[in-house]
Amino acid sequence: MGRDGMWAINMIVHKTYERFDAELDLICEYKPRIVITALGSPRRPLDRVHAYGGAVFCDVITPEQARKAVDAGADGLILVASGAGGHTGQYSPFALVEEVRGFWDGPLVLGGAIGHARAIQAALMLGADFAYRPRKYSRWRMPRAPVAISRQPRRPIARSSPTLILRFEQRRVSVSG
């Protein structure tokens, strides 16, 4: 199945994402073993990914999202805890793993505050099956094409620390009048 080696791809599944269908077609052509869904229900790509033998894991930042992903048929969960960067969650990795393990015994990946081998060991001791620590790249050097087909070189960041974590927050705006 898919290209040589174990690899996965992230996919935005929000209903307003205009490139969803084109990206799902590429995913079905290249057949990654794991498709990671973000920003919506994993239900949209589920049937097509399962048809070629792939698994769908869902990024979640709250226990409520984890329950919805499980109910939608996700094969695995990726808990995006505090310290993950990007669209990070607010939950402590300790609290999030504990709560989700109360209702989910399937594959569980923990992301957030995983910066060294001791953190990986801690994630496993908490009850995660895997620790998610993406390679660090300069975000301004990332290719715009899906990673599955990109051949553009990327420039690694030499060092990292908690102060380099980028975090995006939703801000509530109230309109009066």
N, C-alpha and C. Protein backbone atom coordinates (compact mmCIF):
# COMPACT_ATOMS: atom_id res chain seq x y z
N MET A 1 0.83 -1.18 0.00
CA MET A 1 0.00 0.00 0.00
C MET A 1 0.88 1.24 0.00
N GLY A 2 0.54 2.23 -0.81
CA GLY A 2 1.23 3.51 -0.80
C GLY A 2 2.69 3.43 -1.21
N ARG A 3 3.40 4.50 -0.99
CA ARG A 3 4.82 4.59 -1.29
C ARG A 3 5.62 3.83 -0.25
N ASP A 4 6.88 3.58 -0.54
CA ASP A 4 7.74 2.87 0.40
C ASP A 4 7.83 3.60 1.73
N GLY A 5 7.93 2.83 2.79
CA GLY A 5 8.11 3.41 4.12
C GLY A 5 6.80 3.76 4.78
N MET A 6 6.88 4.01 6.05
CA MET A 6 5.71 4.40 6.82
C MET A 6 5.61 5.91 6.81
N TRP A 7 4.51 6.43 6.35
CA TRP A 7 4.30 7.87 6.35
C TRP A 7 2.81 8.14 6.47
N ALA A 8 2.52 9.36 6.86
CA ALA A 8 1.14 9.79 7.03
C ALA A 8 0.99 11.17 6.43
N ILE A 9 -0.23 11.60 6.27
CA ILE A 9 -0.49 12.94 5.75
C ILE A 9 -1.60 13.59 6.57
N ASN A 10 -1.46 14.88 6.80
CA ASN A 10 -2.50 15.67 7.47
C ASN A 10 -3.44 16.23 6.42
N MET A 11 -4.70 16.27 6.78
CA MET A 11 -5.71 16.77 5.84
C MET A 11 -6.75 17.60 6.58
N ILE A 12 -7.03 18.78 6.06
CA ILE A 12 -8.10 19.62 6.61
C ILE A 12 -9.42 19.07 6.08
N VAL A 13 -10.38 18.85 6.97
CA VAL A 13 -11.65 18.26 6.56
C VAL A 13 -12.84 19.18 6.79
N HIS A 14 -12.59 20.41 7.15
CA HIS A 14 -13.70 21.34 7.39
C HIS A 14 -14.54 21.48 6.12
N LYS A 15 -15.85 21.57 6.29
CA LYS A 15 -16.75 21.59 5.13
C LYS A 15 -16.54 22.79 4.22
N THR A 16 -15.89 23.85 4.70
CA THR A 16 -15.65 25.02 3.85
C THR A 16 -14.29 24.96 3.13
N TYR A 17 -13.52 23.92 3.38
CA TYR A 17 -12.19 23.82 2.77
C TYR A 17 -12.33 23.46 1.30
N GLU A 18 -11.97 24.37 0.42
CA GLU A 18 -12.21 24.23 -1.01
C GLU A 18 -11.36 23.16 -1.68
N ARG A 19 -10.21 22.84 -1.13
CA ARG A 19 -9.32 21.86 -1.77
C ARG A 19 -9.54 20.43 -1.28
N PHE A 20 -10.56 20.22 -0.45
CA PHE A 20 -10.78 18.90 0.14
C PHE A 20 -10.86 17.78 -0.91
N ASP A 21 -11.73 17.92 -1.90
CA ASP A 21 -11.93 16.84 -2.88
C ASP A 21 -10.65 16.55 -3.66
N ALA A 22 -9.95 17.59 -4.10
CA ALA A 22 -8.71 17.39 -4.86
C ALA A 22 -7.64 16.71 -4.00
N GLU A 23 -7.55 17.11 -2.74
CA GLU A 23 -6.56 16.50 -1.86
C GLU A 23 -6.93 15.06 -1.52
N LEU A 24 -8.21 14.78 -1.36
CA LEU A 24 -8.62 13.40 -1.09
C LEU A 24 -8.33 12.51 -2.29
N ASP A 25 -8.49 13.04 -3.51
CA ASP A 25 -8.13 12.27 -4.71
C ASP A 25 -6.63 11.93 -4.70
N LEU A 26 -5.78 12.89 -4.32
CA LEU A 26 -4.34 12.62 -4.25
C LEU A 26 -4.03 11.59 -3.17
N ILE A 27 -4.70 11.70 -2.06
CA ILE A 27 -4.49 10.73 -0.98
C ILE A 27 -4.84 9.33 -1.46
N CYS A 28 -5.93 9.19 -2.16
CA CYS A 28 -6.33 7.87 -2.66
C CYS A 28 -5.38 7.36 -3.75
N GLU A 29 -4.74 8.26 -4.46
CA GLU A 29 -3.75 7.86 -5.46
C GLU A 29 -2.45 7.40 -4.80
N TYR A 30 -1.97 8.13 -3.80
CA TYR A 30 -0.68 7.83 -3.17
C TYR A 30 -0.80 6.88 -1.97
N LYS A 31 -1.99 6.72 -1.43
CA LYS A 31 -2.31 5.73 -0.40
C LYS A 31 -1.42 5.73 0.85
N PRO A 32 -1.39 6.84 1.56
CA PRO A 32 -0.66 6.79 2.84
C PRO A 32 -1.36 5.83 3.78
N ARG A 33 -0.60 5.19 4.66
CA ARG A 33 -1.18 4.23 5.58
C ARG A 33 -2.07 4.91 6.61
N ILE A 34 -1.71 6.16 6.96
CA ILE A 34 -2.49 6.91 7.95
C ILE A 34 -2.82 8.28 7.38
N VAL A 35 -4.08 8.65 7.47
CA VAL A 35 -4.54 9.99 7.12
C VAL A 35 -4.97 10.65 8.41
N ILE A 36 -4.39 11.80 8.70
CA ILE A 36 -4.69 12.54 9.92
C ILE A 36 -5.62 13.69 9.54
N THR A 37 -6.80 13.70 10.15
CA THR A 37 -7.76 14.75 9.84
C THR A 37 -7.70 15.85 10.89
N ALA A 38 -7.94 17.06 10.45
CA ALA A 38 -7.93 18.22 11.34
C ALA A 38 -9.05 19.17 10.97
N LEU A 39 -9.52 19.88 11.97
CA LEU A 39 -10.51 20.95 11.79
C LEU A 39 -11.85 20.45 11.26
N GLY A 40 -12.30 19.33 11.78
CA GLY A 40 -13.60 18.82 11.39
C GLY A 40 -13.73 17.33 11.64
N SER A 41 -14.87 16.80 11.25
CA SER A 41 -15.16 15.38 11.47
C SER A 41 -14.33 14.51 10.55
N PRO A 42 -13.83 13.38 11.06
CA PRO A 42 -13.08 12.46 10.20
C PRO A 42 -13.99 11.66 9.26
N ARG A 43 -15.30 11.82 9.39
CA ARG A 43 -16.25 11.04 8.61
C ARG A 43 -16.10 11.27 7.10
N ARG A 44 -15.78 12.49 6.68
CA ARG A 44 -15.74 12.81 5.24
C ARG A 44 -14.79 11.91 4.45
N PRO A 45 -13.55 11.69 4.86
CA PRO A 45 -12.65 10.84 4.06
C PRO A 45 -12.68 9.35 4.43
N LEU A 46 -13.41 9.00 5.46
CA LEU A 46 -13.34 7.66 6.06
C LEU A 46 -13.54 6.52 5.05
N ASP A 47 -14.62 6.54 4.30
CA ASP A 47 -14.92 5.43 3.40
C ASP A 47 -13.85 5.27 2.32
N ARG A 48 -13.41 6.36 1.74
CA ARG A 48 -12.41 6.25 0.66
C ARG A 48 -11.06 5.80 1.18
N VAL A 49 -10.66 6.25 2.36
CA VAL A 49 -9.38 5.82 2.94
C VAL A 49 -9.46 4.35 3.34
N HIS A 50 -10.55 3.95 3.94
CA HIS A 50 -10.72 2.54 4.31
C HIS A 50 -10.76 1.63 3.07
N ALA A 51 -11.29 2.15 1.94
CA ALA A 51 -11.38 1.35 0.72
C ALA A 51 -10.02 0.87 0.24
N TYR A 52 -8.95 1.66 0.43
CA TYR A 52 -7.63 1.20 0.01
C TYR A 52 -6.83 0.60 1.17
N GLY A 53 -7.44 0.50 2.35
CA GLY A 53 -6.78 -0.14 3.48
C GLY A 53 -6.09 0.80 4.44
N GLY A 54 -6.31 2.11 4.27
CA GLY A 54 -5.71 3.10 5.16
C GLY A 54 -6.50 3.28 6.45
N ALA A 55 -5.89 3.97 7.38
CA ALA A 55 -6.53 4.27 8.66
C ALA A 55 -6.68 5.78 8.80
N VAL A 56 -7.73 6.22 9.46
CA VAL A 56 -7.99 7.64 9.67
C VAL A 56 -7.84 7.96 11.16
N PHE A 57 -6.88 8.82 11.48
CA PHE A 57 -6.67 9.32 12.83
C PHE A 57 -7.14 10.77 12.84
N CYS A 58 -7.68 11.20 13.96
CA CYS A 58 -8.26 12.54 14.04
C CYS A 58 -7.56 13.38 15.10
N ASP A 59 -7.11 14.59 14.71
CA ASP A 59 -6.59 15.56 15.67
C ASP A 59 -7.75 16.06 16.52
N VAL A 60 -7.59 16.03 17.84
CA VAL A 60 -8.60 16.57 18.75
C VAL A 60 -7.91 17.37 19.84
N ILE A 61 -8.59 18.38 20.35
CA ILE A 61 -7.99 19.20 21.42
C ILE A 61 -8.79 19.17 22.71
N THR A 62 -9.94 18.52 22.69
CA THR A 62 -10.76 18.40 23.90
C THR A 62 -11.33 16.99 23.99
N PRO A 63 -11.73 16.57 25.18
CA PRO A 63 -12.40 15.27 25.30
C PRO A 63 -13.70 15.21 24.50
N GLU A 64 -14.41 16.32 24.39
CA GLU A 64 -15.65 16.35 23.62
C GLU A 64 -15.36 16.07 22.14
N GLN A 65 -14.31 16.69 21.60
CA GLN A 65 -13.95 16.41 20.21
C GLN A 65 -13.52 14.95 20.04
N ALA A 66 -12.84 14.41 21.03
CA ALA A 66 -12.41 13.01 20.96
C ALA A 66 -13.64 12.09 20.88
N ARG A 67 -14.65 12.36 21.69
CA ARG A 67 -15.87 11.55 21.64
C ARG A 67 -16.55 11.64 20.27
N LYS A 68 -16.62 12.85 19.73
CA LYS A 68 -17.23 13.02 18.41
C LYS A 68 -16.45 12.26 17.34
N ALA A 69 -15.13 12.30 17.41
CA ALA A 69 -14.30 11.58 16.43
C ALA A 69 -14.51 10.08 16.53
N VAL A 70 -14.56 9.57 17.74
CA VAL A 70 -14.82 8.14 17.96
C VAL A 70 -16.19 7.78 17.40
N ASP A 71 -17.20 8.58 17.70
CA ASP A 71 -18.56 8.32 17.20
C ASP A 71 -18.63 8.38 15.68
N ALA A 72 -17.77 9.20 15.05
CA ALA A 72 -17.75 9.33 13.60
C ALA A 72 -17.00 8.17 12.93
N GLY A 73 -16.29 7.36 13.72
CA GLY A 73 -15.61 6.19 13.16
C GLY A 73 -14.11 6.30 13.03
N ALA A 74 -13.49 7.27 13.67
CA ALA A 74 -12.03 7.41 13.59
C ALA A 74 -11.35 6.12 14.05
N ASP A 75 -10.25 5.77 13.38
CA ASP A 75 -9.49 4.58 13.74
C ASP A 75 -8.53 4.85 14.88
N GLY A 76 -8.16 6.11 15.06
CA GLY A 76 -7.24 6.51 16.11
C GLY A 76 -7.42 7.97 16.43
N LEU A 77 -6.91 8.37 17.59
CA LEU A 77 -7.01 9.77 18.02
C LEU A 77 -5.62 10.34 18.22
N ILE A 78 -5.46 11.59 17.83
CA ILE A 78 -4.24 12.33 18.13
C ILE A 78 -4.65 13.46 19.06
N LEU A 79 -4.22 13.36 20.31
CA LEU A 79 -4.55 14.37 21.30
C LEU A 79 -3.54 15.51 21.17
N VAL A 80 -4.01 16.66 20.74
CA VAL A 80 -3.16 17.84 20.58
C VAL A 80 -3.29 18.64 21.87
N ALA A 81 -2.33 18.45 22.75
CA ALA A 81 -2.38 19.05 24.08
C ALA A 81 -1.63 20.38 24.12
N SER A 82 -1.69 21.02 25.25
CA SER A 82 -0.99 22.28 25.44
C SER A 82 0.50 22.10 25.13
N GLY A 83 1.05 23.07 24.44
CA GLY A 83 2.47 23.01 24.10
C GLY A 83 2.74 22.45 22.72
N ALA A 84 1.68 22.14 21.96
CA ALA A 84 1.88 21.53 20.65
C ALA A 84 2.24 22.54 19.57
N GLY A 85 1.90 23.80 19.75
CA GLY A 85 2.12 24.78 18.69
C GLY A 85 0.98 24.72 17.68
N GLY A 86 0.94 25.68 16.77
CA GLY A 86 -0.13 25.72 15.78
C GLY A 86 -1.47 25.91 16.45
N HIS A 87 -2.45 25.14 16.03
CA HIS A 87 -3.78 25.19 16.63
C HIS A 87 -3.80 24.26 17.83
N THR A 88 -3.06 24.63 18.85
CA THR A 88 -2.85 23.76 20.00
C THR A 88 -4.04 23.75 20.94
N GLY A 89 -4.11 22.68 21.70
CA GLY A 89 -5.15 22.58 22.71
C GLY A 89 -4.74 23.30 23.98
N GLN A 90 -5.70 23.45 24.87
CA GLN A 90 -5.46 24.11 26.15
C GLN A 90 -5.27 23.11 27.29
N TYR A 91 -5.59 21.84 27.04
CA TYR A 91 -5.51 20.82 28.08
C TYR A 91 -4.07 20.39 28.32
N SER A 92 -3.78 20.12 29.57
CA SER A 92 -2.52 19.48 29.93
C SER A 92 -2.49 18.09 29.32
N PRO A 93 -1.33 17.64 28.84
CA PRO A 93 -1.26 16.26 28.34
C PRO A 93 -1.69 15.24 29.39
N PHE A 94 -1.36 15.49 30.66
CA PHE A 94 -1.74 14.56 31.74
C PHE A 94 -3.26 14.42 31.82
N ALA A 95 -3.96 15.53 31.89
CA ALA A 95 -5.41 15.51 32.04
C ALA A 95 -6.11 14.97 30.80
N LEU A 96 -5.62 15.34 29.62
CA LEU A 96 -6.28 14.94 28.38
C LEU A 96 -6.17 13.43 28.16
N VAL A 97 -4.99 12.86 28.33
CA VAL A 97 -4.84 11.41 28.15
C VAL A 97 -5.71 10.67 29.15
N GLU A 98 -5.68 11.09 30.40
CA GLU A 98 -6.46 10.42 31.44
C GLU A 98 -7.95 10.42 31.11
N GLU A 99 -8.48 11.55 30.71
CA GLU A 99 -9.91 11.63 30.44
C GLU A 99 -10.30 10.83 29.20
N VAL A 100 -9.51 10.93 28.14
CA VAL A 100 -9.85 10.21 26.90
C VAL A 100 -9.71 8.70 27.09
N ARG A 101 -8.72 8.27 27.85
CA ARG A 101 -8.56 6.83 28.10
C ARG A 101 -9.74 6.27 28.91
N GLY A 102 -10.52 7.13 29.53
CA GLY A 102 -11.70 6.69 30.24
C GLY A 102 -12.79 6.15 29.33
N PHE A 103 -12.76 6.53 28.02
CA PHE A 103 -13.78 6.05 27.10
C PHE A 103 -13.23 5.50 25.79
N TRP A 104 -11.92 5.56 25.59
CA TRP A 104 -11.32 5.11 24.32
C TRP A 104 -10.14 4.21 24.61
N ASP A 105 -10.17 2.99 24.06
CA ASP A 105 -9.04 2.09 24.26
C ASP A 105 -8.31 1.80 22.96
N GLY A 106 -8.66 2.53 21.90
CA GLY A 106 -7.99 2.37 20.60
C GLY A 106 -6.68 3.12 20.55
N PRO A 107 -6.05 3.16 19.37
CA PRO A 107 -4.77 3.84 19.21
C PRO A 107 -4.85 5.31 19.61
N LEU A 108 -3.90 5.72 20.43
CA LEU A 108 -3.88 7.09 20.96
C LEU A 108 -2.49 7.67 20.81
N VAL A 109 -2.43 8.80 20.14
CA VAL A 109 -1.18 9.51 19.93
C VAL A 109 -1.25 10.80 20.74
N LEU A 110 -0.17 11.13 21.43
CA LEU A 110 -0.13 12.37 22.21
C LEU A 110 0.85 13.34 21.58
N GLY A 111 0.38 14.55 21.32
CA GLY A 111 1.22 15.62 20.81
C GLY A 111 1.12 16.81 21.76
N GLY A 112 2.21 17.49 21.93
CA GLY A 112 2.24 18.66 22.82
C GLY A 112 3.25 18.47 23.91
N ALA A 113 4.22 19.36 23.97
CA ALA A 113 5.28 19.34 24.98
C ALA A 113 6.15 18.09 24.86
N ILE A 114 6.24 17.53 23.65
CA ILE A 114 7.10 16.37 23.41
C ILE A 114 8.36 16.90 22.74
N GLY A 115 9.39 17.15 23.53
CA GLY A 115 10.60 17.74 22.98
C GLY A 115 11.85 16.90 23.16
N HIS A 116 11.73 15.79 23.86
CA HIS A 116 12.92 14.97 24.11
C HIS A 116 12.48 13.55 24.49
N ALA A 117 13.43 12.67 24.63
CA ALA A 117 13.13 11.26 24.90
C ALA A 117 12.38 11.07 26.22
N ARG A 118 12.69 11.87 27.24
CA ARG A 118 11.99 11.73 28.52
C ARG A 118 10.51 12.04 28.37
N ALA A 119 10.17 13.00 27.52
CA ALA A 119 8.76 13.34 27.30
C ALA A 119 8.05 12.21 26.55
N ILE A 120 8.75 11.56 25.64
CA ILE A 120 8.16 10.41 24.94
C ILE A 120 7.87 9.30 25.95
N GLN A 121 8.82 9.02 26.81
CA GLN A 121 8.64 7.99 27.83
C GLN A 121 7.47 8.35 28.76
N ALA A 122 7.36 9.62 29.11
CA ALA A 122 6.26 10.07 29.97
C ALA A 122 4.92 9.89 29.26
N ALA A 123 4.86 10.21 27.98
CA ALA A 123 3.61 10.05 27.22
C ALA A 123 3.17 8.58 27.23
N LEU A 124 4.10 7.68 27.05
CA LEU A 124 3.77 6.25 27.06
C LEU A 124 3.31 5.81 28.44
N MET A 125 3.94 6.33 29.48
CA MET A 125 3.54 5.98 30.85
C MET A 125 2.15 6.53 31.18
N LEU A 126 1.77 7.65 30.57
CA LEU A 126 0.46 8.23 30.80
C LEU A 126 -0.66 7.38 30.20
N GLY A 127 -0.31 6.59 29.19
CA GLY A 127 -1.32 5.77 28.54
C GLY A 127 -1.42 5.98 27.05
N ALA A 128 -0.59 6.86 26.49
CA ALA A 128 -0.57 7.03 25.04
C ALA A 128 0.15 5.84 24.41
N ASP A 129 -0.22 5.50 23.20
CA ASP A 129 0.45 4.44 22.46
C ASP A 129 1.65 4.97 21.69
N PHE A 130 1.58 6.24 21.32
CA PHE A 130 2.63 6.89 20.55
C PHE A 130 2.77 8.33 21.02
N ALA A 131 3.94 8.91 20.79
CA ALA A 131 4.15 10.34 21.03
C ALA A 131 4.39 10.99 19.67
N TYR A 132 3.76 12.12 19.46
CA TYR A 132 3.80 12.80 18.17
C TYR A 132 4.73 13.99 18.27
N ARG A 133 5.82 13.92 17.59
CA ARG A 133 6.78 15.01 17.60
C ARG A 133 7.23 15.27 16.17
N PRO A 134 6.50 16.12 15.46
CA PRO A 134 6.89 16.39 14.07
C PRO A 134 8.28 17.01 14.00
N ARG A 135 8.92 16.80 12.87
CA ARG A 135 10.21 17.45 12.67
C ARG A 135 9.97 18.94 12.60
N LYS A 136 10.95 19.69 13.06
CA LYS A 136 10.79 21.14 13.11
C LYS A 136 11.30 21.76 11.81
N TYR A 137 10.45 22.56 11.19
CA TYR A 137 10.82 23.27 9.97
C TYR A 137 10.44 24.73 10.11
N SER A 138 11.16 25.56 9.38
CA SER A 138 10.80 26.97 9.32
C SER A 138 9.47 27.05 8.60
N ARG A 139 8.48 27.67 9.20
CA ARG A 139 7.16 27.67 8.58
C ARG A 139 7.13 28.47 7.29
N TRP A 140 8.06 29.39 7.09
CA TRP A 140 8.07 30.16 5.86
C TRP A 140 8.71 29.37 4.72
N ARG A 141 9.29 28.23 4.99
CA ARG A 141 9.91 27.40 3.97
C ARG A 141 9.05 26.19 3.59
N MET A 142 7.90 26.03 4.22
CA MET A 142 7.07 24.87 3.94
C MET A 142 6.52 24.95 2.52
N PRO A 143 6.48 23.83 1.81
CA PRO A 143 5.92 23.84 0.46
C PRO A 143 4.41 24.00 0.52
N ARG A 144 3.84 24.56 -0.54
CA ARG A 144 2.39 24.74 -0.58
C ARG A 144 1.68 23.49 -1.10
N ALA A 145 2.40 22.61 -1.78
CA ALA A 145 1.81 21.37 -2.28
C ALA A 145 1.67 20.39 -1.13
N PRO A 146 0.74 19.45 -1.22
CA PRO A 146 0.64 18.44 -0.16
C PRO A 146 1.98 17.72 -0.01
N VAL A 147 2.34 17.43 1.22
CA VAL A 147 3.62 16.80 1.50
C VAL A 147 3.75 15.47 0.77
N ALA A 148 2.66 14.79 0.54
CA ALA A 148 2.71 13.47 -0.11
C ALA A 148 3.35 13.54 -1.50
N ILE A 149 3.24 14.68 -2.16
CA ILE A 149 3.79 14.77 -3.51
C ILE A 149 4.88 15.83 -3.63
N SER A 150 5.22 16.47 -2.55
CA SER A 150 6.20 17.54 -2.59
C SER A 150 7.62 16.99 -2.71
N ARG A 151 8.40 17.58 -3.55
CA ARG A 151 9.81 17.22 -3.67
C ARG A 151 10.71 18.39 -3.27
N GLN A 152 10.10 19.46 -2.78
CA GLN A 152 10.87 20.64 -2.40
C GLN A 152 11.64 20.38 -1.11
N PRO A 153 12.92 20.77 -1.07
CA PRO A 153 13.67 20.60 0.18
C PRO A 153 13.17 21.56 1.24
N ARG A 154 13.32 21.15 2.48
CA ARG A 154 12.93 22.00 3.61
C ARG A 154 14.14 22.27 4.46
N ARG A 155 14.16 23.39 5.12
CA ARG A 155 15.29 23.80 5.95
C ARG A 155 14.99 23.54 7.42
N PRO A 156 15.66 22.59 8.05
CA PRO A 156 15.39 22.33 9.47
C PRO A 156 15.83 23.49 10.36
N ILE A 157 15.11 23.68 11.44
CA ILE A 157 15.53 24.64 12.45
C ILE A 157 16.56 23.94 13.32
N ALA A 158 17.64 24.61 13.61
CA ALA A 158 18.74 23.97 14.34
C ALA A 158 18.41 23.68 15.79
N ARG A 159 17.77 24.63 16.48
CA ARG A 159 17.47 24.43 17.89
C ARG A 159 16.02 24.78 18.18
N SER A 160 15.53 24.25 19.26
CA SER A 160 14.16 24.52 19.64
C SER A 160 14.06 24.72 21.14
N SER A 161 13.04 25.43 21.57
CA SER A 161 12.76 25.60 22.99
C SER A 161 11.29 25.97 23.11
N PRO A 162 10.73 25.90 24.31
CA PRO A 162 9.32 26.24 24.47
C PRO A 162 8.99 27.66 24.01
N THR A 163 9.95 28.55 24.02
CA THR A 163 9.67 29.92 23.60
C THR A 163 9.49 30.04 22.09
N LEU A 164 9.85 29.00 21.33
CA LEU A 164 9.69 29.04 19.89
C LEU A 164 8.37 28.45 19.40
N ILE A 165 7.53 27.96 20.32
CA ILE A 165 6.27 27.35 19.93
C ILE A 165 5.33 28.43 19.42
N LEU A 166 4.81 28.22 18.23
CA LEU A 166 3.84 29.15 17.65
C LEU A 166 2.46 28.67 18.01
N ARG A 167 1.62 29.57 18.44
CA ARG A 167 0.28 29.19 18.86
C ARG A 167 -0.73 30.14 18.25
N PHE A 168 -1.80 29.58 17.71
CA PHE A 168 -2.85 30.37 17.10
C PHE A 168 -4.08 30.28 17.98
N GLU A 169 -4.62 31.39 18.37
CA GLU A 169 -5.80 31.39 19.22
C GLU A 169 -6.96 32.00 18.47
N GLN A 170 -8.14 31.44 18.72
CA GLN A 170 -9.34 32.06 18.19
C GLN A 170 -9.72 33.19 19.13
N ARG A 171 -10.05 34.30 18.57
CA ARG A 171 -10.46 35.43 19.38
C ARG A 171 -11.95 35.67 19.13
N ARG A 172 -12.67 35.83 20.20
CA ARG A 172 -14.10 36.09 20.07
C ARG A 172 -14.31 37.59 19.89
N VAL A 173 -15.08 37.91 18.92
CA VAL A 173 -15.39 39.31 18.64
C VAL A 173 -16.89 39.49 18.82
N SER A 174 -17.26 40.43 19.65
CA SER A 174 -18.68 40.68 19.82
C SER A 174 -19.06 41.91 19.02
N VAL A 175 -20.21 41.82 18.42
CA VAL A 175 -20.71 42.93 17.64
C VAL A 175 -21.95 43.44 18.33
N SER A 176 -21.97 44.69 18.65
CA SER A 176 -23.16 45.25 19.28
C SER A 176 -23.80 46.28 18.37
N GLY A 177 -25.05 46.50 18.63
CA GLY A 177 -25.75 47.55 17.89
C GLY A 177 -26.60 46.99 16.88
